[in-house]
């Protein structure tokens, strides 16, 4: 997966520390040592991914609990939010493996290599598609409120969700087929990496990711321009909260993923030895940019629940109810423990 997880970093960063034909071709008059880049990634990535994993699990599981316990799952918005939370959890599944990967190399075998790579792509594609369909649904509700779209809301939402998951898994199949565990030629058996073994499909995966991202950007951009235009002409503020919630989720998604996809594309130009991206200085900067942009992009899976809490009033109220119940239960348990301790102490006096 071209730069998607760690792929080209994992081998190219090491390749630049030795002299071979490809090295001499790209950097004829320079010594390009990327030990500092590799060290930066091995420190920053595991720490950041660990925090993101914890926050994502806590936040998205809480979203699922609130939706299941307090919300109407026949609502299209709730169905899509539920699936978006599941998508974030699918994406989060791979983060602990990539955190360990940066410290010890790939030590989990070829089955998990294929599985984690597949899960990453499936999580990314499903997130893009669910955000796009949420935006389209909001566009229809605001711009065309009298249309009969989704008359059977529950059935319609489930059907659309299933189609999105099928498309996402289908788009991720090449990663499952063409990724494998390989040896780093400069490190031997002690440092394995999880990578596309077919260079062509490695490029296809990168272009496919960029195409999904750009297509979703065009669709969402069009929808929100029309939505904002319609709202500005109306005095009604009834729909504004839902629009703000979905707009916040989409905006953060694009602010996080846009720089990352740009860096992926620029790294493809570097792989093709296209000037000025074939110089050592630019290559090193792209590697640093790749690490930083990836950390920002991958954090999206833990940010959506934050927006539900700060923008969604209903979600915030449900969260308050859960916290109050938890406090009450905790105080009840403390009272029982104190009562038991008092009974025990009184009994010991006799």
C-alpha atoms as a PDB file:
ATOM      1  CA  UNK A   1       0.000   0.000   0.000  1.00  0.00           C
ATOM      2  CA  UNK A   2       1.955   2.939  -1.246  1.00  0.00           C
ATOM      3  CA  UNK A   3       2.646   4.863   1.864  1.00  0.00           C
ATOM      4  CA  UNK A   4      -0.792   4.006   3.162  1.00  0.00           C
ATOM      5  CA  UNK A   5       0.400   2.304   6.286  1.00  0.00           C
ATOM      6  CA  UNK A   6       4.142   2.208   6.262  1.00  0.00           C
ATOM      7  CA  UNK A   7       4.895   0.337   3.090  1.00  0.00           C
ATOM      8  CA  UNK A   8       7.296   2.394   1.053  1.00  0.00           C
ATOM      9  CA  UNK A   9       8.734   3.948   4.210  1.00  0.00           C
ATOM     10  CA  UNK A  10       9.599   0.571   5.571  1.00  0.00           C
ATOM     11  CA  UNK A  11      11.808  -0.434   2.689  1.00  0.00           C
ATOM     12  CA  UNK A  12      12.862   2.858   1.111  1.00  0.00           C
ATOM     13  CA  UNK A  13      14.030   4.359   4.384  1.00  0.00           C
ATOM     14  CA  UNK A  14      16.424   1.480   4.790  1.00  0.00           C
ATOM     15  CA  UNK A  15      17.427   1.394   1.144  1.00  0.00           C
ATOM     16  CA  UNK A  16      18.708   4.939   1.320  1.00  0.00           C
ATOM     17  CA  UNK A  17      21.336   3.865   3.839  1.00  0.00           C
ATOM     18  CA  UNK A  18      23.132   1.657   1.315  1.00  0.00           C
ATOM     19  CA  UNK A  19      24.444   2.042  -2.193  1.00  0.00           C
ATOM     20  CA  UNK A  20      22.738   0.096  -4.938  1.00  0.00           C
ATOM     21  CA  UNK A  21      21.805   0.663  -8.569  1.00  0.00           C
ATOM     22  CA  UNK A  22      18.515   2.399  -7.809  1.00  0.00           C
ATOM     23  CA  UNK A  23      20.190   4.590  -5.211  1.00  0.00           C
ATOM     24  CA  UNK A  24      22.923   5.629  -7.634  1.00  0.00           C
ATOM     25  CA  UNK A  25      20.370   6.396 -10.330  1.00  0.00           C
ATOM     26  CA  UNK A  26      18.242   8.662  -8.140  1.00  0.00           C
ATOM     27  CA  UNK A  27      20.897  10.315  -6.025  1.00  0.00           C
ATOM     28  CA  UNK A  28      24.032  10.316  -8.129  1.00  0.00           C
ATOM     29  CA  UNK A  29      25.952  13.039  -6.290  1.00  0.00           C
ATOM     30  CA  UNK A  30      24.392  12.868  -2.848  1.00  0.00           C
ATOM     31  CA  UNK A  31      24.542  10.768   0.267  1.00  0.00           C
ATOM     32  CA  UNK A  32      20.949  10.350   1.458  1.00  0.00           C
ATOM     33  CA  UNK A  33      20.893   8.994   4.989  1.00  0.00           C
ATOM     34  CA  UNK A  34      17.374   8.789   6.439  1.00  0.00           C
ATOM     35  CA  UNK A  35      18.235   7.338   9.820  1.00  0.00           C
ATOM     36  CA  UNK A  36      16.761  10.445  11.498  1.00  0.00           C
ATOM     37  CA  UNK A  37      13.482  10.010   9.589  1.00  0.00           C
ATOM     38  CA  UNK A  38      13.222   6.362  10.610  1.00  0.00           C
ATOM     39  CA  UNK A  39      13.982   7.238  14.244  1.00  0.00           C
ATOM     40  CA  UNK A  40      11.344   9.970  14.235  1.00  0.00           C
ATOM     41  CA  UNK A  41       8.749   7.524  12.907  1.00  0.00           C
ATOM     42  CA  UNK A  42       9.704   4.785  15.362  1.00  0.00           C
ATOM     43  CA  UNK A  43       9.137   7.142  18.305  1.00  0.00           C
ATOM     44  CA  UNK A  44       6.211   9.329  17.232  1.00  0.00           C
ATOM     45  CA  UNK A  45       4.068   6.728  15.481  1.00  0.00           C
ATOM     46  CA  UNK A  46       3.731   4.067  18.228  1.00  0.00           C
ATOM     47  CA  UNK A  47       3.016   6.671  20.909  1.00  0.00           C
ATOM     48  CA  UNK A  48       0.436   8.508  18.817  1.00  0.00           C
ATOM     49  CA  UNK A  49      -1.279   5.378  17.526  1.00  0.00           C
ATOM     50  CA  UNK A  50      -1.592   4.018  21.066  1.00  0.00           C
ATOM     51  CA  UNK A  51      -3.419   7.145  22.230  1.00  0.00           C
ATOM     52  CA  UNK A  52      -5.654   7.208  19.128  1.00  0.00           C
ATOM     53  CA  UNK A  53      -6.548   3.522  19.590  1.00  0.00           C
ATOM     54  CA  UNK A  54      -7.665   4.051  23.194  1.00  0.00           C
ATOM     55  CA  UNK A  55      -9.694   7.172  22.378  1.00  0.00           C
ATOM     56  CA  UNK A  56     -11.294   5.602  19.301  1.00  0.00           C
ATOM     57  CA  UNK A  57     -12.350   2.442  21.117  1.00  0.00           C
ATOM     58  CA  UNK A  58     -13.809   4.382  24.035  1.00  0.00           C
ATOM     59  CA  UNK A  59     -15.564   7.009  21.922  1.00  0.00           C
ATOM     60  CA  UNK A  60     -16.995   4.832  19.158  1.00  0.00           C
ATOM     61  CA  UNK A  61     -18.157   2.080  21.505  1.00  0.00           C
ATOM     62  CA  UNK A  62     -19.906   4.769  23.536  1.00  0.00           C
ATOM     63  CA  UNK A  63     -21.592   6.020  20.342  1.00  0.00           C
ATOM     64  CA  UNK A  64     -22.843   2.497  19.590  1.00  0.00           C
ATOM     65  CA  UNK A  65     -24.172   2.103  23.144  1.00  0.00           C
ATOM     66  CA  UNK A  66     -26.040   5.432  23.006  1.00  0.00           C
ATOM     67  CA  UNK A  67     -27.518   4.678  19.595  1.00  0.00           C
ATOM     68  CA  UNK A  68     -28.633   1.202  20.655  1.00  0.00           C
ATOM     69  CA  UNK A  69     -30.057   2.297  23.992  1.00  0.00           C
ATOM     70  CA  UNK A  70     -31.554   5.738  23.408  1.00  0.00           C
ATOM     71  CA  UNK A  71     -31.967   6.417  19.691  1.00  0.00           C
ATOM     72  CA  UNK A  72     -34.338   5.279  16.961  1.00  0.00           C
ATOM     73  CA  UNK A  73     -32.335   3.098  14.590  1.00  0.00           C
ATOM     74  CA  UNK A  74     -34.970   3.479  11.898  1.00  0.00           C
ATOM     75  CA  UNK A  75     -33.707   7.011  11.340  1.00  0.00           C
ATOM     76  CA  UNK A  76     -31.444   7.281   8.289  1.00  0.00           C
ATOM     77  CA  UNK A  77     -29.053   9.636  10.078  1.00  0.00           C
ATOM     78  CA  UNK A  78     -28.703   7.261  13.035  1.00  0.00           C
ATOM     79  CA  UNK A  79     -28.194   4.254  10.750  1.00  0.00           C
ATOM     80  CA  UNK A  80     -25.388   6.036   8.926  1.00  0.00           C
ATOM     81  CA  UNK A  81     -23.799   7.318  12.160  1.00  0.00           C
ATOM     82  CA  UNK A  82     -23.896   3.763  13.537  1.00  0.00           C
ATOM     83  CA  UNK A  83     -22.161   2.438  10.428  1.00  0.00           C
ATOM     84  CA  UNK A  84     -19.627   5.275  10.504  1.00  0.00           C
ATOM     85  CA  UNK A  85     -18.773   4.315  14.099  1.00  0.00           C
ATOM     86  CA  UNK A  86     -18.370   0.681  12.997  1.00  0.00           C
ATOM     87  CA  UNK A  87     -16.170   1.860  10.131  1.00  0.00           C
ATOM     88  CA  UNK A  88     -13.976   3.791  12.579  1.00  0.00           C
ATOM     89  CA  UNK A  89     -13.673   0.697  14.776  1.00  0.00           C
ATOM     90  CA  UNK A  90     -12.695  -1.399  11.750  1.00  0.00           C
ATOM     91  CA  UNK A  91     -10.027   1.160  10.904  1.00  0.00           C
ATOM     92  CA  UNK A  92      -8.828   1.246  14.536  1.00  0.00           C
ATOM     93  CA  UNK A  93      -8.270  -2.524  14.493  1.00  0.00           C
ATOM     94  CA  UNK A  94      -5.048  -2.133  12.523  1.00  0.00           C
ATOM     95  CA  UNK A  95      -3.456   0.701  14.509  1.00  0.00           C
ATOM     96  CA  UNK A  96      -1.902  -1.413  17.328  1.00  0.00           C
ATOM     97  CA  UNK A  97      -0.257  -3.641  14.704  1.00  0.00           C
ATOM     98  CA  UNK A  98       1.241  -0.669  12.869  1.00  0.00           C
ATOM     99  CA  UNK A  99       2.417   0.821  16.177  1.00  0.00           C
ATOM    100  CA  UNK A 100       4.309  -2.397  16.945  1.00  0.00           C
ATOM    101  CA  UNK A 101       5.514  -2.541  13.325  1.00  0.00           C
ATOM    102  CA  UNK A 102       7.450   0.695  13.781  1.00  0.00           C
ATOM    103  CA  UNK A 103       9.317  -0.743  16.753  1.00  0.00           C
ATOM    104  CA  UNK A 104      10.066  -4.358  15.815  1.00  0.00           C
ATOM    105  CA  UNK A 105       9.191  -4.672  12.134  1.00  0.00           C
ATOM    106  CA  UNK A 106       6.410  -7.005  11.030  1.00  0.00           C
ATOM    107  CA  UNK A 107       6.361  -9.920  13.477  1.00  0.00           C
ATOM    108  CA  UNK A 108       2.741 -11.064  13.078  1.00  0.00           C
ATOM    109  CA  UNK A 109       2.977 -13.392  10.077  1.00  0.00           C
ATOM    110  CA  UNK A 110       1.570 -13.201   6.559  1.00  0.00           C
ATOM    111  CA  UNK A 111      -2.079 -13.872   7.494  1.00  0.00           C
ATOM    112  CA  UNK A 112      -2.274 -10.853   9.774  1.00  0.00           C
ATOM    113  CA  UNK A 113      -0.296  -8.820   7.241  1.00  0.00           C
ATOM    114  CA  UNK A 114      -2.981  -9.429   4.622  1.00  0.00           C
ATOM    115  CA  UNK A 115      -5.804  -9.024   7.148  1.00  0.00           C
ATOM    116  CA  UNK A 116      -4.601  -5.741   8.650  1.00  0.00           C
ATOM    117  CA  UNK A 117      -3.851  -4.271   5.227  1.00  0.00           C
ATOM    118  CA  UNK A 118      -7.297  -5.304   3.987  1.00  0.00           C
ATOM    119  CA  UNK A 119      -8.980  -3.911   7.106  1.00  0.00           C
ATOM    120  CA  UNK A 120      -7.203  -0.579   6.744  1.00  0.00           C
ATOM    121  CA  UNK A 121      -8.431  -0.065   3.192  1.00  0.00           C
ATOM    122  CA  UNK A 122     -11.944  -1.304   4.008  1.00  0.00           C
ATOM    123  CA  UNK A 123     -12.113   1.130   6.940  1.00  0.00           C
ATOM    124  CA  UNK A 124     -10.867   4.033   4.839  1.00  0.00           C
ATOM    125  CA  UNK A 125     -13.199   3.400   1.890  1.00  0.00           C
ATOM    126  CA  UNK A 126     -16.246   2.800   4.076  1.00  0.00           C
ATOM    127  CA  UNK A 127     -15.561   6.022   6.026  1.00  0.00           C
ATOM    128  CA  UNK A 128     -15.380   8.006   2.787  1.00  0.00           C
ATOM    129  CA  UNK A 129     -18.560   6.446   1.411  1.00  0.00           C
ATOM    130  CA  UNK A 130     -20.588   6.800   4.620  1.00  0.00           C
ATOM    131  CA  UNK A 131     -19.585  10.450   4.956  1.00  0.00           C
ATOM    132  CA  UNK A 132     -20.568  10.991   1.325  1.00  0.00           C
ATOM    133  CA  UNK A 133     -23.960   9.301   1.727  1.00  0.00           C
ATOM    134  CA  UNK A 134     -24.632  11.231   4.965  1.00  0.00           C
ATOM    135  CA  UNK A 135     -23.915  14.454   3.096  1.00  0.00           C
ATOM    136  CA  UNK A 136     -26.177  13.454   0.183  1.00  0.00           C
ATOM    137  CA  UNK A 137     -28.963  12.493   2.607  1.00  0.00           C
ATOM    138  CA  UNK A 138     -28.688  15.880   4.355  1.00  0.00           C
ATOM    139  CA  UNK A 139     -28.628  17.623   0.971  1.00  0.00           C
ATOM    140  CA  UNK A 140     -31.887  15.928  -0.060  1.00  0.00           C
ATOM    141  CA  UNK A 141     -33.524  16.724   3.295  1.00  0.00           C
ATOM    142  CA  UNK A 142     -32.606  20.426   3.150  1.00  0.00           C
ATOM    143  CA  UNK A 143     -32.594  21.285  -0.565  1.00  0.00           C
ATOM    144  CA  UNK A 144     -35.394  18.903  -1.683  1.00  0.00           C
ATOM    145  CA  UNK A 145     -37.509  18.430   1.479  1.00  0.00           C
ATOM    146  CA  UNK A 146     -40.680  17.458  -0.414  1.00  0.00           C
ATOM    147  CA  UNK A 147     -39.114  14.624  -2.387  1.00  0.00           C
ATOM    148  CA  UNK A 148     -40.076  11.043  -1.511  1.00  0.00           C
ATOM    149  CA  UNK A 149     -36.548   9.710  -1.113  1.00  0.00           C
ATOM    150  CA  UNK A 150     -36.194   6.947   1.463  1.00  0.00           C
ATOM    151  CA  UNK A 151     -39.905   6.480   2.073  1.00  0.00           C
ATOM    152  CA  UNK A 152     -39.156   3.194   3.840  1.00  0.00           C
ATOM    153  CA  UNK A 153     -36.370   4.653   5.914  1.00  0.00           C
ATOM    154  CA  UNK A 154     -35.236   1.614   7.874  1.00  0.00           C
ATOM    155  CA  UNK A 155     -35.111  -0.699   4.875  1.00  0.00           C
ATOM    156  CA  UNK A 156     -33.537   2.001   2.690  1.00  0.00           C
ATOM    157  CA  UNK A 157     -30.811   2.778   5.236  1.00  0.00           C
ATOM    158  CA  UNK A 158     -29.912  -0.866   5.805  1.00  0.00           C
ATOM    159  CA  UNK A 159     -29.792  -1.560   2.066  1.00  0.00           C
ATOM    160  CA  UNK A 160     -27.565   1.432   1.342  1.00  0.00           C
ATOM    161  CA  UNK A 161     -25.281   0.514   4.239  1.00  0.00           C
ATOM    162  CA  UNK A 162     -24.896  -3.057   3.002  1.00  0.00           C
ATOM    163  CA  UNK A 163     -24.068  -1.802  -0.504  1.00  0.00           C
ATOM    164  CA  UNK A 164     -21.419   0.554   0.916  1.00  0.00           C
ATOM    165  CA  UNK A 165     -19.799  -2.250   2.922  1.00  0.00           C
ATOM    166  CA  UNK A 166     -19.774  -4.551  -0.126  1.00  0.00           C
ATOM    167  CA  UNK A 167     -18.170  -1.839  -2.283  1.00  0.00           C
ATOM    168  CA  UNK A 168     -15.611  -1.044   0.453  1.00  0.00           C
ATOM    169  CA  UNK A 169     -14.617  -4.675   0.911  1.00  0.00           C
ATOM    170  CA  UNK A 170     -14.470  -5.145  -2.852  1.00  0.00           C
ATOM    171  CA  UNK A 171     -12.192  -2.122  -3.275  1.00  0.00           C
ATOM    172  CA  UNK A 172      -9.921  -3.489  -0.528  1.00  0.00           C
ATOM    173  CA  UNK A 173      -9.581  -6.972  -2.076  1.00  0.00           C
ATOM    174  CA  UNK A 174      -6.398  -6.117  -4.070  1.00  0.00           C
ATOM    175  CA  UNK A 175      -4.692  -5.237  -0.782  1.00  0.00           C
ATOM    176  CA  UNK A 176      -5.675  -8.651   0.562  1.00  0.00           C
ATOM    177  CA  UNK A 177      -4.363 -10.481  -2.497  1.00  0.00           C
ATOM    178  CA  UNK A 178      -1.169  -8.588  -3.285  1.00  0.00           C
ATOM    179  CA  UNK A 179       0.199  -7.754   0.177  1.00  0.00           C
ATOM    180  CA  UNK A 180       2.620 -10.090   1.911  1.00  0.00           C
ATOM    181  CA  UNK A 181       5.462 -10.269   4.427  1.00  0.00           C
ATOM    182  CA  UNK A 182       8.850  -9.678   2.832  1.00  0.00           C
ATOM    183  CA  UNK A 183      12.436  -9.409   3.964  1.00  0.00           C
ATOM    184  CA  UNK A 184      14.261  -6.124   3.891  1.00  0.00           C
ATOM    185  CA  UNK A 185      17.290  -6.776   1.663  1.00  0.00           C
ATOM    186  CA  UNK A 186      19.495  -4.662   3.932  1.00  0.00           C
ATOM    187  CA  UNK A 187      18.305  -6.020   7.268  1.00  0.00           C
ATOM    188  CA  UNK A 188      17.731  -9.749   6.635  1.00  0.00           C
ATOM    189  CA  UNK A 189      15.323 -11.929   8.600  1.00  0.00           C
ATOM    190  CA  UNK A 190      15.508  -9.697  11.660  1.00  0.00           C
ATOM    191  CA  UNK A 191      13.468  -6.939  10.044  1.00  0.00           C
ATOM    192  CA  UNK A 192      10.425  -7.965   8.010  1.00  0.00           C
ATOM    193  CA  UNK A 193       7.924  -5.616   6.447  1.00  0.00           C
ATOM    194  CA  UNK A 194       4.297  -5.896   5.314  1.00  0.00           C
ATOM    195  CA  UNK A 195       4.104  -4.611   1.756  1.00  0.00           C
ATOM    196  CA  UNK A 196       2.586  -5.045  -1.657  1.00  0.00           C
ATOM    197  CA  UNK A 197       4.732  -7.613  -3.436  1.00  0.00           C
ATOM    198  CA  UNK A 198       3.495  -6.428  -6.841  1.00  0.00           C
ATOM    199  CA  UNK A 199       4.749  -2.946  -7.724  1.00  0.00           C
ATOM    200  CA  UNK A 200       1.935  -2.350 -10.234  1.00  0.00           C
ATOM    201  CA  UNK A 201      -0.804  -3.073  -7.704  1.00  0.00           C
ATOM    202  CA  UNK A 202       1.028  -0.945  -5.177  1.00  0.00           C
ATOM    203  CA  UNK A 203       0.553   2.014  -7.523  1.00  0.00           C
ATOM    204  CA  UNK A 204      -3.031   1.000  -8.301  1.00  0.00           C
ATOM    205  CA  UNK A 205      -3.816   1.026  -4.569  1.00  0.00           C
ATOM    206  CA  UNK A 206      -2.478   4.567  -4.206  1.00  0.00           C
ATOM    207  CA  UNK A 207      -4.333   5.897  -7.244  1.00  0.00           C
ATOM    208  CA  UNK A 208      -7.525   4.164  -6.130  1.00  0.00           C
ATOM    209  CA  UNK A 209      -7.283   5.795  -2.711  1.00  0.00           C
ATOM    210  CA  UNK A 210      -6.750   9.227  -4.305  1.00  0.00           C
ATOM    211  CA  UNK A 211      -9.691   8.706  -6.690  1.00  0.00           C
ATOM    212  CA  UNK A 212     -12.060   7.727  -3.863  1.00  0.00           C
ATOM    213  CA  UNK A 213     -10.964  10.773  -1.888  1.00  0.00           C
ATOM    214  CA  UNK A 214     -11.317  13.237  -4.793  1.00  0.00           C
ATOM    215  CA  UNK A 215     -14.694  11.847  -5.880  1.00  0.00           C
ATOM    216  CA  UNK A 216     -16.052  12.170  -2.343  1.00  0.00           C
ATOM    217  CA  UNK A 217     -14.627  15.700  -2.102  1.00  0.00           C
ATOM    218  CA  UNK A 218     -16.457  16.784  -5.270  1.00  0.00           C
ATOM    219  CA  UNK A 219     -19.761  15.237  -4.147  1.00  0.00           C
ATOM    220  CA  UNK A 220     -19.609  16.676  -0.634  1.00  0.00           C
ATOM    221  CA  UNK A 221     -18.438  20.066  -1.847  1.00  0.00           C
ATOM    222  CA  UNK A 222     -21.370  20.346  -4.255  1.00  0.00           C
ATOM    223  CA  UNK A 223     -23.868  19.217  -1.612  1.00  0.00           C
ATOM    224  CA  UNK A 224     -22.678  21.647   1.043  1.00  0.00           C
ATOM    225  CA  UNK A 225     -22.592  24.612  -1.319  1.00  0.00           C
ATOM    226  CA  UNK A 226     -26.248  23.913  -2.133  1.00  0.00           C
ATOM    227  CA  UNK A 227     -27.115  23.274   1.534  1.00  0.00           C
ATOM    228  CA  UNK A 228     -25.528  26.524   2.729  1.00  0.00           C
ATOM    229  CA  UNK A 229     -27.236  28.392  -0.102  1.00  0.00           C
ATOM    230  CA  UNK A 230     -30.646  27.003   0.896  1.00  0.00           C
ATOM    231  CA  UNK A 231     -30.167  27.666   4.620  1.00  0.00           C
ATOM    232  CA  UNK A 232     -29.045  31.237   3.997  1.00  0.00           C
ATOM    233  CA  UNK A 233     -32.363  31.913   2.250  1.00  0.00           C
ATOM    234  CA  UNK A 234     -34.456  30.375   5.036  1.00  0.00           C
ATOM    235  CA  UNK A 235     -35.261  31.745   8.476  1.00  0.00           C
ATOM    236  CA  UNK A 236     -35.784  28.288   9.916  1.00  0.00           C
ATOM    237  CA  UNK A 237     -32.999  26.978  12.146  1.00  0.00           C
ATOM    238  CA  UNK A 238     -34.547  23.572  12.842  1.00  0.00           C
ATOM    239  CA  UNK A 239     -32.135  21.683  10.612  1.00  0.00           C
ATOM    240  CA  UNK A 240     -29.029  23.689  11.433  1.00  0.00           C
ATOM    241  CA  UNK A 241     -27.773  21.471  14.251  1.00  0.00           C
ATOM    242  CA  UNK A 242     -27.760  18.319  12.142  1.00  0.00           C
ATOM    243  CA  UNK A 243     -26.139  20.193   9.262  1.00  0.00           C
ATOM    244  CA  UNK A 244     -23.441  21.544  11.612  1.00  0.00           C
ATOM    245  CA  UNK A 245     -22.791  18.068  12.989  1.00  0.00           C
ATOM    246  CA  UNK A 246     -22.341  16.408   9.608  1.00  0.00           C
ATOM    247  CA  UNK A 247     -20.450  19.417   8.209  1.00  0.00           C
ATOM    248  CA  UNK A 248     -18.025  19.283  11.170  1.00  0.00           C
ATOM    249  CA  UNK A 249     -17.411  15.566  10.666  1.00  0.00           C
ATOM    250  CA  UNK A 250     -16.846  16.000   6.933  1.00  0.00           C
ATOM    251  CA  UNK A 251     -14.655  19.107   7.342  1.00  0.00           C
ATOM    252  CA  UNK A 252     -12.356  17.418   9.832  1.00  0.00           C
ATOM    253  CA  UNK A 253     -12.191  14.321   7.649  1.00  0.00           C
ATOM    254  CA  UNK A 254     -10.987  16.340   4.682  1.00  0.00           C
ATOM    255  CA  UNK A 255      -8.634  18.572   6.662  1.00  0.00           C
ATOM    256  CA  UNK A 256      -7.034  15.407   7.988  1.00  0.00           C
ATOM    257  CA  UNK A 257      -6.969  13.287   4.836  1.00  0.00           C
ATOM    258  CA  UNK A 258      -6.291  15.886   2.113  1.00  0.00           C
ATOM    259  CA  UNK A 259      -2.612  16.567   3.036  1.00  0.00           C
ATOM    260  CA  UNK A 260      -2.028  12.823   3.420  1.00  0.00           C
ATOM    261  CA  UNK A 261      -3.359  12.033  -0.044  1.00  0.00           C
ATOM    262  CA  UNK A 262      -1.301  14.862  -1.540  1.00  0.00           C
ATOM    263  CA  UNK A 263       1.859  13.433   0.049  1.00  0.00           C
ATOM    264  CA  UNK A 264       1.006   9.953  -1.266  1.00  0.00           C
ATOM    265  CA  UNK A 265       0.718  11.365  -4.795  1.00  0.00           C
ATOM    266  CA  UNK A 266       4.011  13.279  -4.492  1.00  0.00           C
ATOM    267  CA  UNK A 267       5.757  10.122  -3.293  1.00  0.00           C
ATOM    268  CA  UNK A 268       4.583   8.387  -6.468  1.00  0.00           C
ATOM    269  CA  UNK A 269       6.381  11.110  -8.431  1.00  0.00           C
ATOM    270  CA  UNK A 270       9.474  10.382  -6.361  1.00  0.00           C
ATOM    271  CA  UNK A 271       9.225   6.667  -7.164  1.00  0.00           C
ATOM    272  CA  UNK A 272       9.125   7.596 -10.869  1.00  0.00           C
ATOM    273  CA  UNK A 273      12.300   9.706 -10.439  1.00  0.00           C
ATOM    274  CA  UNK A 274      10.502  12.833 -11.658  1.00  0.00           C
ATOM    275  CA  UNK A 275      12.365  16.071 -10.900  1.00  0.00           C
ATOM    276  CA  UNK A 276      12.484  17.741  -8.449  1.00  0.00           C
ATOM    277  CA  UNK A 277      11.044  14.900  -6.349  1.00  0.00           C
ATOM    278  CA  UNK A 278      14.006  12.602  -7.066  1.00  0.00           C
ATOM    279  CA  UNK A 279      16.468  14.627  -4.995  1.00  0.00           C
ATOM    280  CA  UNK A 280      17.543  13.517  -1.536  1.00  0.00           C
ATOM    281  CA  UNK A 281      16.407  16.730   0.166  1.00  0.00           C
ATOM    282  CA  UNK A 282      12.893  16.613  -1.297  1.00  0.00           C
ATOM    283  CA  UNK A 283      12.622  12.882  -0.628  1.00  0.00           C
ATOM    284  CA  UNK A 284      13.539  13.377   3.031  1.00  0.00           C
ATOM    285  CA  UNK A 285      11.016  16.194   3.415  1.00  0.00           C
ATOM    286  CA  UNK A 286       8.331  14.040   1.817  1.00  0.00           C
ATOM    287  CA  UNK A 287       9.101  11.273   4.295  1.00  0.00           C
ATOM    288  CA  UNK A 288       8.756  13.645   7.259  1.00  0.00           C
ATOM    289  CA  UNK A 289       5.575  15.030   5.717  1.00  0.00           C
ATOM    290  CA  UNK A 290       4.290  11.503   5.221  1.00  0.00           C
ATOM    291  CA  UNK A 291       4.763  10.649   8.896  1.00  0.00           C
ATOM    292  CA  UNK A 292       3.140  13.865  10.163  1.00  0.00           C
ATOM    293  CA  UNK A 293       0.222  13.834   7.695  1.00  0.00           C
ATOM    294  CA  UNK A 294      -0.422  10.167   8.396  1.00  0.00           C
ATOM    295  CA  UNK A 295      -0.631  10.784  12.153  1.00  0.00           C
ATOM    296  CA  UNK A 296      -3.168  13.551  11.543  1.00  0.00           C
ATOM    297  CA  UNK A 297      -5.177  11.504   9.041  1.00  0.00           C
ATOM    298  CA  UNK A 298      -5.309   8.344  11.137  1.00  0.00           C
ATOM    299  CA  UNK A 299      -6.602  10.283  14.144  1.00  0.00           C
ATOM    300  CA  UNK A 300      -9.933  10.826  12.355  1.00  0.00           C
ATOM    301  CA  UNK A 301     -11.283   7.575  13.799  1.00  0.00           C
ATOM    302  CA  UNK A 302     -11.321   9.032  17.322  1.00  0.00           C
ATOM    303  CA  UNK A 303     -12.580  12.539  16.443  1.00  0.00           C
ATOM    304  CA  UNK A 304     -16.121  11.793  15.258  1.00  0.00           C
ATOM    305  CA  UNK A 305     -17.444  10.988  18.777  1.00  0.00           C
ATOM    306  CA  UNK A 306     -16.023  14.331  19.955  1.00  0.00           C
ATOM    307  CA  UNK A 307     -18.205  16.145  17.438  1.00  0.00           C
ATOM    308  CA  UNK A 308     -21.251  14.142  18.478  1.00  0.00           C
ATOM    309  CA  UNK A 309     -20.621  15.316  22.058  1.00  0.00           C
ATOM    310  CA  UNK A 310     -19.960  18.995  21.306  1.00  0.00           C
ATOM    311  CA  UNK A 311     -22.306  19.589  18.360  1.00  0.00           C
ATOM    312  CA  UNK A 312     -25.082  16.999  18.811  1.00  0.00           C
ATOM    313  CA  UNK A 313     -27.367  18.108  21.637  1.00  0.00           C
ATOM    314  CA  UNK A 314     -29.235  14.786  21.855  1.00  0.00           C
ATOM    315  CA  UNK A 315     -25.989  12.870  22.057  1.00  0.00           C
ATOM    316  CA  UNK A 316     -24.722  15.189  24.786  1.00  0.00           C
ATOM    317  CA  UNK A 317     -27.918  14.730  26.794  1.00  0.00           C
ATOM    318  CA  UNK A 318     -27.708  10.932  26.473  1.00  0.00           C
ATOM    319  CA  UNK A 319     -24.093  11.080  27.594  1.00  0.00           C
ATOM    320  CA  UNK A 320     -25.085  13.089  30.674  1.00  0.00           C
ATOM    321  CA  UNK A 321     -27.710  10.460  31.553  1.00  0.00           C
ATOM    322  CA  UNK A 322     -25.121   7.670  31.281  1.00  0.00           C
ATOM    323  CA  UNK A 323     -22.634   9.598  33.438  1.00  0.00           C
ATOM    324  CA  UNK A 324     -25.292  10.338  36.067  1.00  0.00           C
ATOM    325  CA  UNK A 325     -26.277   6.667  36.191  1.00  0.00           C
ATOM    326  CA  UNK A 326     -22.633   5.675  36.493  1.00  0.00           C
ATOM    327  CA  UNK A 327     -22.099   8.141  39.353  1.00  0.00           C
ATOM    328  CA  UNK A 328     -25.220   6.953  41.126  1.00  0.00           C
ATOM    329  CA  UNK A 329     -24.146   3.329  40.771  1.00  0.00           C
ATOM    330  CA  UNK A 330     -20.647   4.182  41.961  1.00  0.00           C
ATOM    331  CA  UNK A 331     -21.953   6.090  44.995  1.00  0.00           C
ATOM    332  CA  UNK A 332     -24.320   3.203  45.802  1.00  0.00           C
ATOM    333  CA  UNK A 333     -21.420   0.738  45.671  1.00  0.00           C
ATOM    334  CA  UNK A 334     -19.316   3.020  47.898  1.00  0.00           C
ATOM    335  CA  UNK A 335     -22.173   3.289  50.401  1.00  0.00           C
ATOM    336  CA  UNK A 336     -22.566  -0.490  50.469  1.00  0.00           C
ATOM    337  CA  UNK A 337     -18.835  -0.934  51.023  1.00  0.00           C
ATOM    338  CA  UNK A 338     -18.867   1.588  53.878  1.00  0.00           C
ATOM    339  CA  UNK A 339     -21.917  -0.112  55.433  1.00  0.00           C
ATOM    340  CA  UNK A 340     -20.254  -3.515  55.138  1.00  0.00           C
ATOM    341  CA  UNK A 341     -17.063  -2.169  56.685  1.00  0.00           C
ATOM    342  CA  UNK A 342     -19.024  -0.673  59.603  1.00  0.00           C
ATOM    343  CA  UNK A 343     -20.878  -3.937  60.201  1.00  0.00           C
ATOM    344  CA  UNK A 344     -17.591  -5.849  60.098  1.00  0.00           C
ATOM    345  CA  UNK A 345     -15.911  -3.433  62.531  1.00  0.00           C
ATOM    346  CA  UNK A 346     -18.857  -3.592  64.923  1.00  0.00           C
ATOM    347  CA  UNK A 347     -18.835  -7.382  64.784  1.00  0.00           C
ATOM    348  CA  UNK A 348     -15.125  -7.504  65.535  1.00  0.00           C
ATOM    349  CA  UNK A 349     -15.731  -5.599  68.790  1.00  0.00           C
ATOM    350  CA  UNK A 350     -17.562  -8.584  70.270  1.00  0.00           C
END
